[in-house]
Protein backbone atom coordinates (compact mmCIF):
# COMPACT_ATOMS: atom_id res chain seq x y z
CA UNK A 1 -0.41 -6.65 -8.38
CA UNK A 2 -3.13 -5.06 -10.46
CA UNK A 3 -3.26 -1.33 -10.93
CA UNK A 4 -6.28 0.15 -9.27
CA UNK A 5 -8.06 2.71 -11.43
CA UNK A 6 -9.52 4.45 -8.37
CA UNK A 7 -6.13 5.79 -7.24
CA UNK A 8 -6.03 9.56 -7.49
CA UNK A 9 -2.90 11.52 -8.26
CA UNK A 10 -1.09 13.21 -5.40
CA UNK A 11 -1.80 16.93 -5.03
CA UNK A 12 0.14 19.72 -3.36
CA UNK A 13 -2.97 20.69 -1.40
CA UNK A 14 -3.09 17.37 0.48
CA UNK A 15 -2.44 17.76 4.20
CA UNK A 16 0.09 14.89 4.08
CA UNK A 17 1.99 16.22 1.04
CA UNK A 18 5.56 17.44 1.61
CA UNK A 19 8.19 18.72 -0.78
CA UNK A 20 11.51 16.93 -0.27
CA UNK A 21 13.44 20.08 -1.21
CA UNK A 22 11.24 22.26 1.04
CA UNK A 23 10.62 24.70 -1.77
CA UNK A 24 6.83 24.62 -1.92
CA UNK A 25 5.14 27.99 -1.52
CA UNK A 26 1.67 29.21 -2.42
CA UNK A 27 1.49 32.16 -4.80
CA UNK A 28 -1.93 33.64 -5.49
CA UNK A 29 -3.50 30.49 -4.04
CA UNK A 30 -1.60 28.15 -6.38
CA UNK A 31 1.16 25.73 -5.30
CA UNK A 32 4.51 27.00 -6.59
CA UNK A 33 7.93 25.32 -6.65
CA UNK A 34 10.57 27.93 -5.91
CA UNK A 35 13.32 25.44 -6.85
CA UNK A 36 12.41 25.45 -10.56
CA UNK A 37 10.32 28.64 -10.37
CA UNK A 38 7.27 26.96 -11.93
CA UNK A 39 3.91 25.68 -10.70
CA UNK A 40 4.23 22.60 -8.50
CA UNK A 41 3.44 19.39 -10.39
CA UNK A 42 3.58 16.45 -7.97
CA UNK A 43 2.80 13.99 -10.79
CA UNK A 44 6.23 14.51 -12.36
CA UNK A 45 8.32 15.67 -9.39
CA UNK A 46 11.01 13.43 -7.92
CA UNK A 47 10.95 15.13 -4.51
CA UNK A 48 7.34 14.40 -3.53
CA UNK A 49 6.92 12.71 -0.14
CA UNK A 50 3.89 11.64 1.87
CA UNK A 51 3.83 11.99 5.65
CA UNK A 52 1.64 8.89 5.92
CA UNK A 53 3.97 6.86 3.68
CA UNK A 54 1.16 6.06 1.25
CA UNK A 55 2.68 7.38 -1.96
CA UNK A 56 2.74 4.63 -4.60
CA UNK A 57 4.29 4.35 -8.07
CA UNK A 58 3.46 7.16 -10.46
CA UNK A 59 3.05 9.58 -7.52
CA UNK A 60 -0.44 8.27 -6.84
CA UNK A 61 -2.08 8.58 -3.45
CA UNK A 62 -2.38 5.26 -1.65
CA UNK A 63 -5.00 6.74 0.69
CA UNK A 64 -7.53 6.82 -2.16
CA UNK A 65 -7.26 3.10 -2.98
CA UNK A 66 -9.96 0.83 -1.67
CA UNK A 67 -8.83 -2.39 -0.08
CA UNK A 68 -10.01 -5.63 -1.70
CA UNK A 69 -10.96 -8.21 0.89
CA UNK A 70 -11.10 -11.95 0.47
CA UNK A 71 -13.55 -14.24 2.23
CA UNK A 72 -12.20 -15.89 5.35
CA UNK A 73 -10.93 -19.39 4.85
CA UNK A 74 -11.30 -22.20 7.35
CA UNK A 75 -8.70 -24.81 8.18
CA UNK A 76 -10.86 -27.40 6.43
CA UNK A 77 -10.18 -25.65 3.13
CA UNK A 78 -6.60 -26.87 3.28
CA UNK A 79 -6.12 -30.60 3.42
CA UNK A 80 -2.66 -31.94 4.00
CA UNK A 81 -1.63 -35.49 3.33
CA UNK A 82 0.83 -36.16 6.10
CA UNK A 83 1.95 -39.68 6.71
CA UNK A 84 3.12 -40.41 10.23
CA UNK A 85 4.61 -43.54 11.61
CA UNK A 86 2.37 -45.58 13.89
CA UNK A 87 4.49 -44.91 16.96
CA UNK A 88 3.93 -41.15 16.55
CA UNK A 89 0.20 -41.63 16.07
CA UNK A 90 0.05 -43.62 19.29
CA UNK A 91 1.97 -40.88 21.14
CA UNK A 92 -0.38 -38.19 19.87
CA UNK A 93 -3.43 -40.37 20.43
CA UNK A 94 -5.42 -38.86 17.59
CA UNK A 95 -7.32 -41.33 15.45
CA UNK A 96 -8.08 -38.69 12.80
CA UNK A 97 -4.50 -38.83 11.60
CA UNK A 98 -4.80 -42.41 10.38
């Protein structure tokens, strides 16, 4: 799977962000971890969780990644070479299988 460069890092101000140790407080408007008594840094913290379950490797937010879509394929794109015995072809009654 390719790494998407549009993925933003998780932040403590996200509404879905939760601290696994429940030690996040806001001091003077800044996120603060009272467990280590330092500013909260979700990029390097091991206790970061996402309520939506969208946290991906490197503590990046999966909600900021754009989905890459592929054109729809039709059954005609896949051709199978199946050989059936004549008695099965007669039972099915489909001449396209011959």
